[in-house]
C-alpha cells in the first residue's frame, strides 16, 4: 500500500508538471526564440522529474530501518538544480517570448511551473530551498512583467502551493511520529502482558509444587488432629523446608538440588535457601552448571546447619556456609564454598 501511494503521487506530479510545461509549447504565434523556449522547458521537465523520482540510495551493508522522511530527502545537488531552474527558466522564457509575448500563456507558464517544482521540493524535505525558489521566481516575474501581472499570473498560487505542501508534510510527519509512538506503546504493552503471563505461570507452577509437597502431610495432620509421631513430625519439617525453598529460592532449584536438600534434611540438617536475584544475569547454561555444582556440595555436606544464598557480588554468584556445634558448645564454620561467576570474555583487539 505504501509503495502504491508513492507511485500514484509520482504519476500525478509528472502529469501536472507536464501539463504546465505543455502551455509553453502550444502557441498560435511562435515566440521570438523557439529553441530557447524548448530548451527551458526541457531543463524544467528534467529537473522536475529528477526531483520526483530520485531516491536516496541505501548505504551498503546497512540493515536498520531508516528514520521517517530520510528516504524522501532530496539530495543536495538536486536541490541546487531546482534553485538553478528557478533562476534560469523564468528569465529564459520571457527572453524567448519577446516583448510582445511576455503575458501570453507560453510566456507566463514558468511562474506556475516553478511553483509546482518548489511544492515537490517541499515534499522532498527541502523547505528552505522551496521558499528560496518561490522568492526567486517572484522577483523575476516582478522584474519582467510587473507586480500586478506577477500576482495575477501565478505568484500567489506559488505561495499557496508551497505553503499547503509544507502544511501537509508537517501533518504527515506528525501522524507518522504518533503512529510510531503508538506502535512502541503497543509493543511495550504486549511485552508487559507477556511478562505478567510468565509470572502467573510461574506462580501456578509454584503453587502446584507446594501443594504436591505440603498437601499430603497437611491433609494427614488434619486427619489425625495434629497428633503426629516423631517420624511424621520429621516429614512435616522436611515439607516445610521444601516449601520455603520453593518460595525463597526457586531460581536455585532443579530436581538434583531438590533431592540433595531433601537428603540433607533427612539427615537432620537445618537448611536455609535464599535467592536475592544474584543469578539474574546468568545464562540458562550457567545456571544449570551452577545448580549441578550446588547439588554436589550439598550431597557431601555434613554440617548441622547449611545456609545457601545467592550474591550480587561481581565475582561471587553463590555462597554455601555450613555451621556445626564445636566441642566447646559454640557454633563453628565447617563449610565455606563460593561459586564464582564465569568471567566475561575479553574483547579481541581489532
C-alpha atoms as a PDB file:
ATOM      1  CA  UNK A   1       0.000   0.000   0.000  1.00  0.00           C
ATOM      2  CA  UNK A   2       2.811   2.424   0.866  1.00  0.00           C
ATOM      3  CA  UNK A   3       4.575   1.802  -2.463  1.00  0.00           C
ATOM      4  CA  UNK A   4       1.258   2.134  -4.303  1.00  0.00           C
ATOM      5  CA  UNK A   5       0.525   5.537  -2.769  1.00  0.00           C
ATOM      6  CA  UNK A   6       4.030   6.778  -3.625  1.00  0.00           C
ATOM      7  CA  UNK A   7       3.646   5.625  -7.214  1.00  0.00           C
ATOM      8  CA  UNK A   8       0.283   7.357  -7.575  1.00  0.00           C
ATOM      9  CA  UNK A   9       1.671  10.623  -6.195  1.00  0.00           C
ATOM     10  CA  UNK A  10       4.675  10.429  -8.513  1.00  0.00           C
ATOM     11  CA  UNK A  11       2.445   9.862 -11.542  1.00  0.00           C
ATOM     12  CA  UNK A  12       0.239  12.794 -10.535  1.00  0.00           C
ATOM     13  CA  UNK A  13       3.315  15.003 -10.142  1.00  0.00           C
ATOM     14  CA  UNK A  14       4.589  14.034 -13.578  1.00  0.00           C
ATOM     15  CA  UNK A  15       1.195  14.597 -15.177  1.00  0.00           C
ATOM     16  CA  UNK A  16       0.683  18.001 -13.551  1.00  0.00           C
ATOM     17  CA  UNK A  17       4.140  19.353 -14.381  1.00  0.00           C
ATOM     18  CA  UNK A  18       3.844  18.019 -17.934  1.00  0.00           C
ATOM     19  CA  UNK A  19       0.503  19.817 -18.239  1.00  0.00           C
ATOM     20  CA  UNK A  20       2.093  23.086 -17.093  1.00  0.00           C
ATOM     21  CA  UNK A  21       5.021  22.622 -19.466  1.00  0.00           C
ATOM     22  CA  UNK A  22       2.659  21.926 -22.353  1.00  0.00           C
ATOM     23  CA  UNK A  23       1.450  25.524 -22.100  1.00  0.00           C
ATOM     24  CA  UNK A  24       4.926  26.656 -23.078  1.00  0.00           C
ATOM     25  CA  UNK A  25       4.937  24.577 -26.259  1.00  0.00           C
ATOM     26  CA  UNK A  26       1.431  25.299 -27.515  1.00  0.00           C
ATOM     27  CA  UNK A  27       1.253  28.600 -29.306  1.00  0.00           C
ATOM     28  CA  UNK A  28      -0.555  30.127 -32.282  1.00  0.00           C
ATOM     29  CA  UNK A  29       2.153  32.721 -32.761  1.00  0.00           C
ATOM     30  CA  UNK A  30       5.664  31.395 -32.298  1.00  0.00           C
ATOM     31  CA  UNK A  31       7.837  33.010 -29.634  1.00  0.00           C
ATOM     32  CA  UNK A  32      10.752  35.124 -30.696  1.00  0.00           C
ATOM     33  CA  UNK A  33      13.289  32.410 -29.796  1.00  0.00           C
ATOM     34  CA  UNK A  34      11.584  28.994 -30.066  1.00  0.00           C
ATOM     35  CA  UNK A  35      14.778  26.984 -29.483  1.00  0.00           C
ATOM     36  CA  UNK A  36      15.439  28.824 -26.232  1.00  0.00           C
ATOM     37  CA  UNK A  37      11.850  28.149 -25.180  1.00  0.00           C
ATOM     38  CA  UNK A  38      12.137  24.436 -25.882  1.00  0.00           C
ATOM     39  CA  UNK A  39      15.478  24.284 -24.042  1.00  0.00           C
ATOM     40  CA  UNK A  40      13.945  25.977 -20.981  1.00  0.00           C
ATOM     41  CA  UNK A  41      11.042  23.513 -20.991  1.00  0.00           C
ATOM     42  CA  UNK A  42      13.411  20.550 -21.334  1.00  0.00           C
ATOM     43  CA  UNK A  43      15.543  21.766 -18.415  1.00  0.00           C
ATOM     44  CA  UNK A  44      12.417  22.283 -16.336  1.00  0.00           C
ATOM     45  CA  UNK A  45      10.971  18.828 -17.034  1.00  0.00           C
ATOM     46  CA  UNK A  46      14.303  17.088 -16.490  1.00  0.00           C
ATOM     47  CA  UNK A  47      14.802  18.810 -13.138  1.00  0.00           C
ATOM     48  CA  UNK A  48      11.210  18.247 -12.047  1.00  0.00           C
ATOM     49  CA  UNK A  49      11.251  14.552 -12.807  1.00  0.00           C
ATOM     50  CA  UNK A  50      14.636  14.136 -11.130  1.00  0.00           C
ATOM     51  CA  UNK A  51      13.147  15.733  -8.014  1.00  0.00           C
ATOM     52  CA  UNK A  52      10.188  13.361  -8.202  1.00  0.00           C
ATOM     53  CA  UNK A  53      11.931  10.058  -8.846  1.00  0.00           C
ATOM     54  CA  UNK A  54      15.472  10.331  -7.492  1.00  0.00           C
ATOM     55  CA  UNK A  55      15.721   8.358  -4.241  1.00  0.00           C
ATOM     56  CA  UNK A  56      18.426   8.352  -1.596  1.00  0.00           C
ATOM     57  CA  UNK A  57      20.226   5.002  -2.035  1.00  0.00           C
ATOM     58  CA  UNK A  58      20.629   2.712   0.971  1.00  0.00           C
ATOM     59  CA  UNK A  59      24.183   2.563   2.248  1.00  0.00           C
ATOM     60  CA  UNK A  60      25.996  -0.704   1.534  1.00  0.00           C
ATOM     61  CA  UNK A  61      25.650  -3.159   4.395  1.00  0.00           C
ATOM     62  CA  UNK A  62      23.058  -1.057   6.201  1.00  0.00           C
ATOM     63  CA  UNK A  63      20.307  -3.211   7.710  1.00  0.00           C
ATOM     64  CA  UNK A  64      18.495  -0.994  10.212  1.00  0.00           C
ATOM     65  CA  UNK A  65      15.358   0.787   9.033  1.00  0.00           C
ATOM     66  CA  UNK A  66      15.557   4.439   8.033  1.00  0.00           C
ATOM     67  CA  UNK A  67      14.012   7.215  10.038  1.00  0.00           C
ATOM     68  CA  UNK A  68      10.761   8.556   8.627  1.00  0.00           C
ATOM     69  CA  UNK A  69      11.466  11.024   5.811  1.00  0.00           C
ATOM     70  CA  UNK A  70      15.105  10.014   5.354  1.00  0.00           C
ATOM     71  CA  UNK A  71      14.311   8.060   2.207  1.00  0.00           C
ATOM     72  CA  UNK A  72      12.420  11.028   0.665  1.00  0.00           C
ATOM     73  CA  UNK A  73      15.066  13.674   1.415  1.00  0.00           C
ATOM     74  CA  UNK A  74      16.039  15.351  -1.846  1.00  0.00           C
ATOM     75  CA  UNK A  75      19.801  15.185  -2.489  1.00  0.00           C
ATOM     76  CA  UNK A  76      21.629  18.491  -2.137  1.00  0.00           C
ATOM     77  CA  UNK A  77      22.719  18.510  -5.780  1.00  0.00           C
ATOM     78  CA  UNK A  78      19.111  18.087  -6.920  1.00  0.00           C
ATOM     79  CA  UNK A  79      18.020  20.922  -4.607  1.00  0.00           C
ATOM     80  CA  UNK A  80      20.730  23.128  -6.140  1.00  0.00           C
ATOM     81  CA  UNK A  81      19.491  22.160  -9.609  1.00  0.00           C
ATOM     82  CA  UNK A  82      15.957  23.198  -8.610  1.00  0.00           C
ATOM     83  CA  UNK A  83      17.263  26.608  -7.497  1.00  0.00           C
ATOM     84  CA  UNK A  84      19.072  26.953 -10.822  1.00  0.00           C
ATOM     85  CA  UNK A  85      15.796  26.251 -12.639  1.00  0.00           C
ATOM     86  CA  UNK A  86      14.035  28.912 -10.552  1.00  0.00           C
ATOM     87  CA  UNK A  87      16.684  31.408 -11.671  1.00  0.00           C
ATOM     88  CA  UNK A  88      17.156  30.380 -15.310  1.00  0.00           C
ATOM     89  CA  UNK A  89      13.843  29.090 -16.653  1.00  0.00           C
ATOM     90  CA  UNK A  90      11.574  32.126 -15.964  1.00  0.00           C
ATOM     91  CA  UNK A  91      14.036  34.629 -17.413  1.00  0.00           C
ATOM     92  CA  UNK A  92      14.833  32.363 -20.365  1.00  0.00           C
ATOM     93  CA  UNK A  93      11.101  32.004 -21.054  1.00  0.00           C
ATOM     94  CA  UNK A  94      10.477  35.742 -21.106  1.00  0.00           C
ATOM     95  CA  UNK A  95      13.529  36.318 -23.297  1.00  0.00           C
ATOM     96  CA  UNK A  96      12.304  33.621 -25.685  1.00  0.00           C
ATOM     97  CA  UNK A  97       8.758  35.048 -25.722  1.00  0.00           C
ATOM     98  CA  UNK A  98       9.910  38.510 -26.692  1.00  0.00           C
ATOM     99  CA  UNK A  99       8.403  41.798 -25.579  1.00  0.00           C
ATOM    100  CA  UNK A 100       5.000  41.207 -27.143  1.00  0.00           C
ATOM    101  CA  UNK A 101       4.574  37.663 -25.814  1.00  0.00           C
ATOM    102  CA  UNK A 102       5.541  38.088 -22.175  1.00  0.00           C
ATOM    103  CA  UNK A 103       1.928  37.949 -20.966  1.00  0.00           C
ATOM    104  CA  UNK A 104       0.933  35.069 -23.260  1.00  0.00           C
ATOM    105  CA  UNK A 105       0.488  31.557 -21.880  1.00  0.00           C
ATOM    106  CA  UNK A 106       3.861  30.459 -23.239  1.00  0.00           C
ATOM    107  CA  UNK A 107       5.423  33.495 -21.539  1.00  0.00           C
ATOM    108  CA  UNK A 108       3.919  33.061 -18.049  1.00  0.00           C
ATOM    109  CA  UNK A 109       3.874  29.279 -17.775  1.00  0.00           C
ATOM    110  CA  UNK A 110       7.166  29.296 -15.840  1.00  0.00           C
ATOM    111  CA  UNK A 111       5.564  31.026 -12.839  1.00  0.00           C
ATOM    112  CA  UNK A 112       3.218  28.108 -12.213  1.00  0.00           C
ATOM    113  CA  UNK A 113       5.772  25.562 -13.363  1.00  0.00           C
ATOM    114  CA  UNK A 114       8.428  26.701 -10.897  1.00  0.00           C
ATOM    115  CA  UNK A 115       5.768  26.885  -8.163  1.00  0.00           C
ATOM    116  CA  UNK A 116       4.846  23.244  -8.806  1.00  0.00           C
ATOM    117  CA  UNK A 117       8.537  22.309  -8.763  1.00  0.00           C
ATOM    118  CA  UNK A 118       9.025  24.043  -5.415  1.00  0.00           C
ATOM    119  CA  UNK A 119       5.989  22.230  -3.989  1.00  0.00           C
ATOM    120  CA  UNK A 120       7.686  18.966  -4.975  1.00  0.00           C
ATOM    121  CA  UNK A 121      10.929  20.159  -3.385  1.00  0.00           C
ATOM    122  CA  UNK A 122       8.996  20.946  -0.194  1.00  0.00           C
ATOM    123  CA  UNK A 123       7.522  17.444  -0.116  1.00  0.00           C
ATOM    124  CA  UNK A 124      11.068  16.086  -0.547  1.00  0.00           C
ATOM    125  CA  UNK A 125      12.021  17.719   2.792  1.00  0.00           C
ATOM    126  CA  UNK A 126      13.845  20.805   1.466  1.00  0.00           C
ATOM    127  CA  UNK A 127      11.716  23.674   2.863  1.00  0.00           C
ATOM    128  CA  UNK A 128      14.367  26.393   2.680  1.00  0.00           C
ATOM    129  CA  UNK A 129      15.132  25.504  -0.923  1.00  0.00           C
ATOM    130  CA  UNK A 130      11.428  25.602  -1.794  1.00  0.00           C
ATOM    131  CA  UNK A 131      10.839  29.040  -0.287  1.00  0.00           C
ATOM    132  CA  UNK A 132      14.013  30.449  -1.841  1.00  0.00           C
ATOM    133  CA  UNK A 133      12.805  29.190  -5.215  1.00  0.00           C
ATOM    134  CA  UNK A 134       9.423  30.884  -4.717  1.00  0.00           C
ATOM    135  CA  UNK A 135      11.127  34.167  -3.847  1.00  0.00           C
ATOM    136  CA  UNK A 136      13.400  33.923  -6.897  1.00  0.00           C
ATOM    137  CA  UNK A 137      10.564  33.290  -9.342  1.00  0.00           C
ATOM    138  CA  UNK A 138       8.514  36.084  -7.740  1.00  0.00           C
ATOM    139  CA  UNK A 139      11.399  38.548  -8.084  1.00  0.00           C
ATOM    140  CA  UNK A 140      11.951  37.507 -11.701  1.00  0.00           C
ATOM    141  CA  UNK A 141       8.241  37.858 -12.501  1.00  0.00           C
ATOM    142  CA  UNK A 142       8.034  41.306 -10.929  1.00  0.00           C
ATOM    143  CA  UNK A 143      11.138  42.388 -12.824  1.00  0.00           C
ATOM    144  CA  UNK A 144       9.877  41.169 -16.202  1.00  0.00           C
ATOM    145  CA  UNK A 145       6.104  41.790 -16.131  1.00  0.00           C
ATOM    146  CA  UNK A 146       5.459  43.989 -13.069  1.00  0.00           C
ATOM    147  CA  UNK A 147       3.881  43.447  -9.662  1.00  0.00           C
ATOM    148  CA  UNK A 148       0.213  43.293 -10.654  1.00  0.00           C
ATOM    149  CA  UNK A 149       0.797  40.937 -13.563  1.00  0.00           C
ATOM    150  CA  UNK A 150       3.077  38.733 -11.466  1.00  0.00           C
ATOM    151  CA  UNK A 151       0.389  38.405  -8.799  1.00  0.00           C
ATOM    152  CA  UNK A 152      -2.302  37.772 -11.388  1.00  0.00           C
ATOM    153  CA  UNK A 153      -0.364  35.147 -13.353  1.00  0.00           C
ATOM    154  CA  UNK A 154       0.633  32.814 -10.551  1.00  0.00           C
ATOM    155  CA  UNK A 155       2.914  34.169  -7.809  1.00  0.00           C
ATOM    156  CA  UNK A 156       0.081  33.989  -5.258  1.00  0.00           C
ATOM    157  CA  UNK A 157      -0.654  30.440  -6.373  1.00  0.00           C
ATOM    158  CA  UNK A 158       3.009  29.504  -5.958  1.00  0.00           C
ATOM    159  CA  UNK A 159       2.986  30.731  -2.362  1.00  0.00           C
ATOM    160  CA  UNK A 160      -0.221  28.818  -1.639  1.00  0.00           C
ATOM    161  CA  UNK A 161       1.048  25.604  -3.239  1.00  0.00           C
ATOM    162  CA  UNK A 162       4.285  25.610  -1.285  1.00  0.00           C
ATOM    163  CA  UNK A 163       2.549  26.590   1.963  1.00  0.00           C
ATOM    164  CA  UNK A 164      -0.020  23.802   1.589  1.00  0.00           C
ATOM    165  CA  UNK A 165       2.754  21.327   0.732  1.00  0.00           C
ATOM    166  CA  UNK A 166       4.641  22.331   3.876  1.00  0.00           C
ATOM    167  CA  UNK A 167       1.499  22.022   5.996  1.00  0.00           C
ATOM    168  CA  UNK A 168       0.658  18.600   4.589  1.00  0.00           C
ATOM    169  CA  UNK A 169       4.237  17.426   5.065  1.00  0.00           C
ATOM    170  CA  UNK A 170       4.169  18.576   8.682  1.00  0.00           C
ATOM    171  CA  UNK A 171       0.842  16.821   9.279  1.00  0.00           C
ATOM    172  CA  UNK A 172       2.077  13.593   7.689  1.00  0.00           C
ATOM    173  CA  UNK A 173       5.287  13.688   9.737  1.00  0.00           C
ATOM    174  CA  UNK A 174       3.319  14.277  12.908  1.00  0.00           C
ATOM    175  CA  UNK A 175       0.944  11.421  12.095  1.00  0.00           C
ATOM    176  CA  UNK A 176       3.936   9.164  11.420  1.00  0.00           C
ATOM    177  CA  UNK A 177       5.513  10.084  14.754  1.00  0.00           C
ATOM    178  CA  UNK A 178       2.233   9.469  16.564  1.00  0.00           C
ATOM    179  CA  UNK A 179       1.890   6.125  14.808  1.00  0.00           C
ATOM    180  CA  UNK A 180       5.440   5.162  15.767  1.00  0.00           C
ATOM    181  CA  UNK A 181       4.792   6.139  19.387  1.00  0.00           C
ATOM    182  CA  UNK A 182       1.557   4.150  19.399  1.00  0.00           C
ATOM    183  CA  UNK A 183       3.387   1.160  17.952  1.00  0.00           C
ATOM    184  CA  UNK A 184       6.039   1.421  20.670  1.00  0.00           C
ATOM    185  CA  UNK A 185       3.340   1.656  23.333  1.00  0.00           C
ATOM    186  CA  UNK A 186       1.543  -1.374  21.923  1.00  0.00           C
ATOM    187  CA  UNK A 187       4.804  -3.316  21.828  1.00  0.00           C
ATOM    188  CA  UNK A 188       5.575  -2.336  25.423  1.00  0.00           C
ATOM    189  CA  UNK A 189       2.066  -3.325  26.491  1.00  0.00           C
ATOM    190  CA  UNK A 190       2.407  -6.677  24.732  1.00  0.00           C
ATOM    191  CA  UNK A 191       5.760  -7.299  26.395  1.00  0.00           C
ATOM    192  CA  UNK A 192       4.297  -6.374  29.777  1.00  0.00           C
ATOM    193  CA  UNK A 193       1.340  -8.704  29.262  1.00  0.00           C
ATOM    194  CA  UNK A 194       3.695 -11.486  28.206  1.00  0.00           C
ATOM    195  CA  UNK A 195       5.851 -10.941  31.293  1.00  0.00           C
ATOM    196  CA  UNK A 196       2.765 -10.951  33.506  1.00  0.00           C
ATOM    197  CA  UNK A 197       1.575 -14.167  31.900  1.00  0.00           C
ATOM    198  CA  UNK A 198       5.007 -15.660  32.539  1.00  0.00           C
ATOM    199  CA  UNK A 199       4.815 -14.576  36.182  1.00  0.00           C
ATOM    200  CA  UNK A 200       1.342 -16.089  36.500  1.00  0.00           C
ATOM    201  CA  UNK A 201       2.524 -19.377  35.014  1.00  0.00           C
ATOM    202  CA  UNK A 202       5.476 -19.401  37.381  1.00  0.00           C
ATOM    203  CA  UNK A 203       3.192 -18.748  40.331  1.00  0.00           C
ATOM    204  CA  UNK A 204       0.835 -21.523  39.265  1.00  0.00           C
ATOM    205  CA  UNK A 205       3.801 -23.871  38.988  1.00  0.00           C
ATOM    206  CA  UNK A 206       4.991 -22.881  42.471  1.00  0.00           C
ATOM    207  CA  UNK A 207       1.519 -23.364  43.917  1.00  0.00           C
ATOM    208  CA  UNK A 208       1.164 -26.777  42.299  1.00  0.00           C
ATOM    209  CA  UNK A 209       4.592 -27.797  43.542  1.00  0.00           C
ATOM    210  CA  UNK A 210       3.792 -26.502  47.031  1.00  0.00           C
ATOM    211  CA  UNK A 211       0.542 -28.453  47.096  1.00  0.00           C
ATOM    212  CA  UNK A 212       2.362 -31.563  45.921  1.00  0.00           C
ATOM    213  CA  UNK A 213       4.961 -31.173  48.684  1.00  0.00           C
ATOM    214  CA  UNK A 214       2.882 -29.972  51.621  1.00  0.00           C
ATOM    215  CA  UNK A 215      -0.589 -31.163  50.655  1.00  0.00           C
ATOM    216  CA  UNK A 216      -0.308 -34.800  51.795  1.00  0.00           C
ATOM    217  CA  UNK A 217       1.289 -34.008  55.166  1.00  0.00           C
ATOM    218  CA  UNK A 218      -1.192 -31.208  55.830  1.00  0.00           C
ATOM    219  CA  UNK A 219      -4.108 -33.484  54.996  1.00  0.00           C
ATOM    220  CA  UNK A 220      -2.708 -36.165  57.272  1.00  0.00           C
ATOM    221  CA  UNK A 221      -2.155 -33.640  60.068  1.00  0.00           C
ATOM    222  CA  UNK A 222      -5.785 -32.548  59.829  1.00  0.00           C
ATOM    223  CA  UNK A 223      -6.940 -36.155  59.782  1.00  0.00           C
ATOM    224  CA  UNK A 224      -5.084 -37.067  62.992  1.00  0.00           C
ATOM    225  CA  UNK A 225      -5.918 -33.715  64.627  1.00  0.00           C
ATOM    226  CA  UNK A 226      -2.240 -32.793  64.898  1.00  0.00           C
ATOM    227  CA  UNK A 227      -1.186 -35.914  66.803  1.00  0.00           C
ATOM    228  CA  UNK A 228       1.941 -36.810  64.833  1.00  0.00           C
ATOM    229  CA  UNK A 229       4.625 -39.263  65.811  1.00  0.00           C
ATOM    230  CA  UNK A 230       8.304 -38.391  65.569  1.00  0.00           C
ATOM    231  CA  UNK A 231       8.678 -39.711  62.026  1.00  0.00           C
ATOM    232  CA  UNK A 232       5.681 -37.732  60.849  1.00  0.00           C
ATOM    233  CA  UNK A 233       6.992 -34.607  62.553  1.00  0.00           C
ATOM    234  CA  UNK A 234      10.284 -35.061  60.725  1.00  0.00           C
ATOM    235  CA  UNK A 235       8.421 -35.385  57.428  1.00  0.00           C
ATOM    236  CA  UNK A 236       6.435 -32.248  58.261  1.00  0.00           C
ATOM    237  CA  UNK A 237       9.650 -30.315  58.924  1.00  0.00           C
ATOM    238  CA  UNK A 238      11.106 -31.523  55.635  1.00  0.00           C
ATOM    239  CA  UNK A 239       7.930 -30.485  53.817  1.00  0.00           C
ATOM    240  CA  UNK A 240       8.030 -27.068  55.479  1.00  0.00           C
ATOM    241  CA  UNK A 241      11.663 -26.563  54.490  1.00  0.00           C
ATOM    242  CA  UNK A 242      10.966 -27.707  50.949  1.00  0.00           C
ATOM    243  CA  UNK A 243       8.068 -25.263  50.700  1.00  0.00           C
ATOM    244  CA  UNK A 244      10.316 -22.433  51.900  1.00  0.00           C
ATOM    245  CA  UNK A 245      12.884 -23.392  49.277  1.00  0.00           C
ATOM    246  CA  UNK A 246      10.274 -23.130  46.522  1.00  0.00           C
ATOM    247  CA  UNK A 247       9.157 -19.711  47.697  1.00  0.00           C
ATOM    248  CA  UNK A 248      12.512 -18.134  48.547  1.00  0.00           C
ATOM    249  CA  UNK A 249      14.988 -19.806  46.209  1.00  0.00           C
ATOM    250  CA  UNK A 250      13.206 -21.145  43.140  1.00  0.00           C
ATOM    251  CA  UNK A 251      15.989 -19.970  40.809  1.00  0.00           C
ATOM    252  CA  UNK A 252      18.443 -22.273  42.600  1.00  0.00           C
ATOM    253  CA  UNK A 253      16.338 -25.402  42.327  1.00  0.00           C
ATOM    254  CA  UNK A 254      16.182 -28.275  39.914  1.00  0.00           C
ATOM    255  CA  UNK A 255      15.427 -31.942  40.534  1.00  0.00           C
ATOM    256  CA  UNK A 256      19.012 -32.717  41.564  1.00  0.00           C
ATOM    257  CA  UNK A 257      19.220 -29.799  44.019  1.00  0.00           C
ATOM    258  CA  UNK A 258      15.795 -30.641  45.491  1.00  0.00           C
ATOM    259  CA  UNK A 259      16.888 -34.227  46.060  1.00  0.00           C
ATOM    260  CA  UNK A 260      20.119 -33.060  47.742  1.00  0.00           C
ATOM    261  CA  UNK A 261      18.192 -30.676  50.023  1.00  0.00           C
ATOM    262  CA  UNK A 262      15.702 -33.391  50.990  1.00  0.00           C
ATOM    263  CA  UNK A 263      18.564 -35.791  51.768  1.00  0.00           C
ATOM    264  CA  UNK A 264      20.290 -33.163  53.926  1.00  0.00           C
ATOM    265  CA  UNK A 265      17.109 -32.500  55.893  1.00  0.00           C
ATOM    266  CA  UNK A 266      16.535 -36.231  56.271  1.00  0.00           C
ATOM    267  CA  UNK A 267      19.969 -36.395  57.950  1.00  0.00           C
ATOM    268  CA  UNK A 268      18.771 -33.792  60.432  1.00  0.00           C
ATOM    269  CA  UNK A 269      20.474 -30.789  58.838  1.00  0.00           C
ATOM    270  CA  UNK A 270      18.690 -27.449  59.062  1.00  0.00           C
ATOM    271  CA  UNK A 271      18.890 -25.840  55.617  1.00  0.00           C
ATOM    272  CA  UNK A 272      18.104 -22.246  54.676  1.00  0.00           C
ATOM    273  CA  UNK A 273      17.930 -21.268  50.989  1.00  0.00           C
ATOM    274  CA  UNK A 274      17.629 -17.655  49.866  1.00  0.00           C
ATOM    275  CA  UNK A 275      17.828 -16.158  46.379  1.00  0.00           C
ATOM    276  CA  UNK A 276      18.188 -12.366  46.262  1.00  0.00           C
ATOM    277  CA  UNK A 277      18.442 -12.069  42.495  1.00  0.00           C
ATOM    278  CA  UNK A 278      22.115 -12.890  42.211  1.00  0.00           C
ATOM    279  CA  UNK A 279      21.525 -15.263  39.303  1.00  0.00           C
ATOM    280  CA  UNK A 280      19.503 -12.911  37.122  1.00  0.00           C
ATOM    281  CA  UNK A 281      22.444 -12.045  34.880  1.00  0.00           C
ATOM    282  CA  UNK A 282      23.477 -15.671  34.286  1.00  0.00           C
ATOM    283  CA  UNK A 283      22.548 -17.570  31.166  1.00  0.00           C
ATOM    284  CA  UNK A 284      20.489 -20.762  31.255  1.00  0.00           C
ATOM    285  CA  UNK A 285      23.600 -22.915  30.738  1.00  0.00           C
ATOM    286  CA  UNK A 286      25.467 -21.095  33.506  1.00  0.00           C
ATOM    287  CA  UNK A 287      22.556 -21.591  35.900  1.00  0.00           C
ATOM    288  CA  UNK A 288      22.357 -25.290  35.060  1.00  0.00           C
ATOM    289  CA  UNK A 289      26.090 -25.728  35.704  1.00  0.00           C
ATOM    290  CA  UNK A 290      25.791 -23.799  38.974  1.00  0.00           C
ATOM    291  CA  UNK A 291      22.896 -25.977  40.161  1.00  0.00           C
ATOM    292  CA  UNK A 292      24.883 -29.118  39.375  1.00  0.00           C
ATOM    293  CA  UNK A 293      27.836 -27.875  41.459  1.00  0.00           C
ATOM    294  CA  UNK A 294      25.472 -26.861  44.277  1.00  0.00           C
ATOM    295  CA  UNK A 295      23.870 -30.317  44.350  1.00  0.00           C
ATOM    296  CA  UNK A 296      27.296 -31.965  44.670  1.00  0.00           C
ATOM    297  CA  UNK A 297      28.308 -29.647  47.531  1.00  0.00           C
ATOM    298  CA  UNK A 298      25.036 -30.264  49.393  1.00  0.00           C
ATOM    299  CA  UNK A 299      25.339 -34.025  48.937  1.00  0.00           C
ATOM    300  CA  UNK A 300      28.774 -34.061  50.546  1.00  0.00           C
ATOM    301  CA  UNK A 301      27.972 -31.575  53.339  1.00  0.00           C
ATOM    302  CA  UNK A 302      27.728 -32.905  56.910  1.00  0.00           C
ATOM    303  CA  UNK A 303      27.143 -29.640  58.767  1.00  0.00           C
ATOM    304  CA  UNK A 304      24.310 -29.274  61.256  1.00  0.00           C
ATOM    305  CA  UNK A 305      23.119 -26.085  59.595  1.00  0.00           C
ATOM    306  CA  UNK A 306      23.517 -25.055  55.991  1.00  0.00           C
ATOM    307  CA  UNK A 307      22.975 -21.595  54.548  1.00  0.00           C
ATOM    308  CA  UNK A 308      22.655 -21.268  50.770  1.00  0.00           C
ATOM    309  CA  UNK A 309      22.479 -17.716  49.499  1.00  0.00           C
ATOM    310  CA  UNK A 310      22.976 -16.009  46.150  1.00  0.00           C
ATOM    311  CA  UNK A 311      25.138 -12.928  45.859  1.00  0.00           C
ATOM    312  CA  UNK A 312      25.132  -9.843  43.669  1.00  0.00           C
ATOM    313  CA  UNK A 313      28.908  -9.609  44.009  1.00  0.00           C
ATOM    314  CA  UNK A 314      30.801  -9.051  40.762  1.00  0.00           C
ATOM    315  CA  UNK A 315      32.810 -12.260  41.165  1.00  0.00           C
ATOM    316  CA  UNK A 316      30.772 -14.493  43.500  1.00  0.00           C
ATOM    317  CA  UNK A 317      27.386 -15.824  42.389  1.00  0.00           C
ATOM    318  CA  UNK A 318      26.542 -18.162  45.268  1.00  0.00           C
ATOM    319  CA  UNK A 319      27.839 -18.985  48.728  1.00  0.00           C
ATOM    320  CA  UNK A 320      27.207 -22.096  50.835  1.00  0.00           C
ATOM    321  CA  UNK A 321      28.089 -21.868  54.535  1.00  0.00           C
ATOM    322  CA  UNK A 322      27.917 -24.798  56.954  1.00  0.00           C
ATOM    323  CA  UNK A 323      27.969 -24.458  60.737  1.00  0.00           C
ATOM    324  CA  UNK A 324      28.117 -27.125  63.421  1.00  0.00           C
ATOM    325  CA  UNK A 325      28.423 -27.155  67.211  1.00  0.00           C
ATOM    326  CA  UNK A 326      32.031 -27.383  68.349  1.00  0.00           C
ATOM    327  CA  UNK A 327      33.475 -29.177  71.355  1.00  0.00           C
ATOM    328  CA  UNK A 328      33.074 -26.019  73.425  1.00  0.00           C
ATOM    329  CA  UNK A 329      29.372 -25.825  72.584  1.00  0.00           C
ATOM    330  CA  UNK A 330      29.714 -22.852  70.236  1.00  0.00           C
ATOM    331  CA  UNK A 331      28.982 -22.930  66.539  1.00  0.00           C
ATOM    332  CA  UNK A 332      31.936 -23.134  64.198  1.00  0.00           C
ATOM    333  CA  UNK A 333      32.074 -22.771  60.448  1.00  0.00           C
ATOM    334  CA  UNK A 334      32.993 -26.140  58.986  1.00  0.00           C
ATOM    335  CA  UNK A 335      31.988 -25.457  55.371  1.00  0.00           C
ATOM    336  CA  UNK A 336      32.519 -22.426  53.191  1.00  0.00           C
ATOM    337  CA  UNK A 337      32.092 -22.771  49.460  1.00  0.00           C
ATOM    338  CA  UNK A 338      31.862 -19.911  46.992  1.00  0.00           C
ATOM    339  CA  UNK A 339      30.713 -20.328  43.404  1.00  0.00           C
ATOM    340  CA  UNK A 340      32.468 -17.861  41.136  1.00  0.00           C
ATOM    341  CA  UNK A 341      30.769 -16.140  38.237  1.00  0.00           C
ATOM    342  CA  UNK A 342      32.037 -17.015  34.823  1.00  0.00           C
ATOM    343  CA  UNK A 343      34.399 -14.206  33.761  1.00  0.00           C
ATOM    344  CA  UNK A 344      33.267 -12.088  30.825  1.00  0.00           C
ATOM    345  CA  UNK A 345      35.173 -12.912  27.615  1.00  0.00           C
ATOM    346  CA  UNK A 346      37.911 -10.459  26.787  1.00  0.00           C
ATOM    347  CA  UNK A 347      37.456  -8.406  23.642  1.00  0.00           C
ATOM    348  CA  UNK A 348      39.970  -9.170  20.953  1.00  0.00           C
ATOM    349  CA  UNK A 349      41.829  -6.135  19.612  1.00  0.00           C
ATOM    350  CA  UNK A 350      40.607  -5.098  16.191  1.00  0.00           C
END
